[in-house]
Amino acid sequence: MLSCNSPLNNRESTDLGQRELFYLSKYCEAKSMTAVKDLKAKKKQSGQLVFEYILLLLVALSMATIMRNTLTATSNDPSDSGLIIRMWRGVVQVIGNDRPVDPAP
């Protein structure tokens, strides 16, 4: 049995007529073209996967930057500070305003 990957020896080529050799060559050519198209499609899918990964990475970094600026923004004005900084300043104020307990008489 002949296939596209097996080479023809002299006996096989003489057993086959010109028409059969022509059809075999066209079949093998079409098969190789299909393989090339499949390879191009896989490369295109791979490129799309990389593009989607980079896009998701950019979205995640943008969200992280916005959250960081919102939660930990520092400013001289306490009302402009981020949520975590305001809470921390409140804790420091409570600790600073703590009065020592008088020892029992």
Protein backbone atom coordinates (compact mmCIF):
# COMPACT_ATOMS: atom_id res chain seq x y z
CA MET A 1 0.00 0.00 0.00
CA LEU A 2 1.32 3.40 -0.92
CA SER A 3 1.20 6.40 1.30
CA CYS A 4 2.43 9.96 1.07
CA ASN A 5 5.33 9.28 3.43
CA SER A 6 6.67 6.12 1.80
CA PRO A 7 9.05 6.52 -1.14
CA LEU A 8 8.28 4.71 -4.39
CA ASN A 9 10.69 2.06 -5.55
CA ASN A 10 11.11 1.16 -9.23
CA ARG A 11 8.73 -1.77 -9.14
CA GLU A 12 5.91 0.21 -7.54
CA SER A 13 6.33 3.09 -9.95
CA THR A 14 6.17 0.74 -12.96
CA ASP A 15 3.13 -1.09 -11.52
CA LEU A 16 1.26 2.20 -11.21
CA GLY A 17 0.07 3.98 -14.28
CA GLN A 18 0.62 7.66 -14.98
CA ARG A 19 -2.92 8.48 -13.88
CA GLU A 20 -2.50 6.76 -10.51
CA LEU A 21 0.82 8.52 -9.89
CA PHE A 22 -0.79 11.84 -10.80
CA TYR A 23 -3.69 11.29 -8.39
CA LEU A 24 -1.35 10.09 -5.66
CA SER A 25 0.80 13.19 -6.04
CA LYS A 26 -2.27 15.48 -5.98
CA TYR A 27 -3.60 13.68 -2.91
CA CYS A 28 -0.30 14.05 -1.09
CA GLU A 29 -0.06 17.71 -2.10
CA ALA A 30 -3.58 18.40 -0.80
CA LYS A 31 -2.79 16.55 2.40
CA SER A 32 0.36 18.60 2.96
CA MET A 33 -1.55 21.84 2.25
CA THR A 34 -4.12 20.83 4.86
CA ALA A 35 -1.31 20.23 7.33
CA VAL A 36 0.12 23.68 6.59
CA LYS A 37 -3.31 25.28 7.09
CA ASP A 38 -3.72 23.42 10.39
CA LEU A 39 -0.32 24.65 11.53
CA LYS A 40 -1.21 28.24 10.64
CA ALA A 41 -4.50 27.92 12.53
CA LYS A 42 -2.67 26.64 15.60
CA LYS A 43 -0.21 29.53 15.45
CA LYS A 44 -3.11 31.96 15.17
CA GLN A 45 -4.77 30.40 18.22
CA SER A 46 -1.51 30.61 20.12
CA GLY A 47 -1.17 34.30 19.26
CA GLN A 48 -4.74 34.94 20.39
CA LEU A 49 -4.05 33.15 23.67
CA VAL A 50 -0.99 35.32 24.34
CA PHE A 51 -2.98 38.47 23.47
CA GLU A 52 -5.80 37.50 25.86
CA TYR A 53 -3.30 36.72 28.62
CA ILE A 54 -1.62 40.11 28.25
CA LEU A 55 -5.00 41.85 28.18
CA LEU A 56 -6.10 40.11 31.39
CA LEU A 57 -2.76 40.96 32.98
CA LEU A 58 -3.22 44.64 32.14
CA VAL A 59 -6.75 44.66 33.57
CA ALA A 60 -5.55 43.01 36.78
CA LEU A 61 -2.67 45.46 37.16
CA SER A 62 -4.98 48.42 36.56
CA MET A 63 -7.42 47.20 39.18
CA ALA A 64 -4.61 46.58 41.67
CA THR A 65 -3.22 50.09 41.10
CA ILE A 66 -6.62 51.70 41.60
CA MET A 67 -7.23 49.69 44.77
CA ARG A 68 -3.80 50.51 46.15
CA ASN A 69 -4.27 54.24 45.51
CA THR A 70 -7.75 54.18 47.05
CA LEU A 71 -6.79 52.23 50.15
CA THR A 72 -3.32 53.57 50.94
CA ALA A 73 -3.15 57.08 49.49
CA THR A 74 -1.17 59.42 51.75
CA SER A 75 -1.81 63.10 52.16
CA ASN A 76 -1.20 65.82 54.74
CA ASP A 77 -4.94 66.31 54.93
CA PRO A 78 -6.40 63.29 56.82
CA SER A 79 -9.67 63.46 54.88
CA ASP A 80 -7.81 62.92 51.57
CA SER A 81 -5.96 59.84 52.80
CA GLY A 82 -6.85 56.30 51.85
CA LEU A 83 -9.08 54.09 53.96
CA ILE A 84 -6.28 52.10 55.60
CA ILE A 85 -4.25 55.23 56.40
CA ARG A 86 -7.31 56.93 57.97
CA MET A 87 -8.05 53.86 60.09
CA TRP A 88 -4.40 53.65 61.17
CA ARG A 89 -4.34 57.33 62.13
CA GLY A 90 -7.47 56.71 64.21
CA VAL A 91 -5.77 53.81 66.02
CA VAL A 92 -2.69 55.94 66.68
CA GLN A 93 -4.90 58.77 68.03
CA VAL A 94 -6.70 56.37 70.37
CA ILE A 95 -3.39 54.99 71.62
CA GLY A 96 -1.98 58.53 72.00
CA ASN A 97 -5.01 59.75 73.96
CA ASP A 98 -4.88 56.83 76.38
CA ARG A 99 -4.37 57.94 79.93
CA PRO A 100 -2.48 55.80 82.35
CA VAL A 101 -4.49 54.06 84.98
CA ASP A 102 -3.89 55.46 88.47
CA PRO A 103 -2.57 52.85 90.81
CA ALA A 104 -4.92 51.86 93.58
CA PRO A 105 -4.45 53.93 96.80
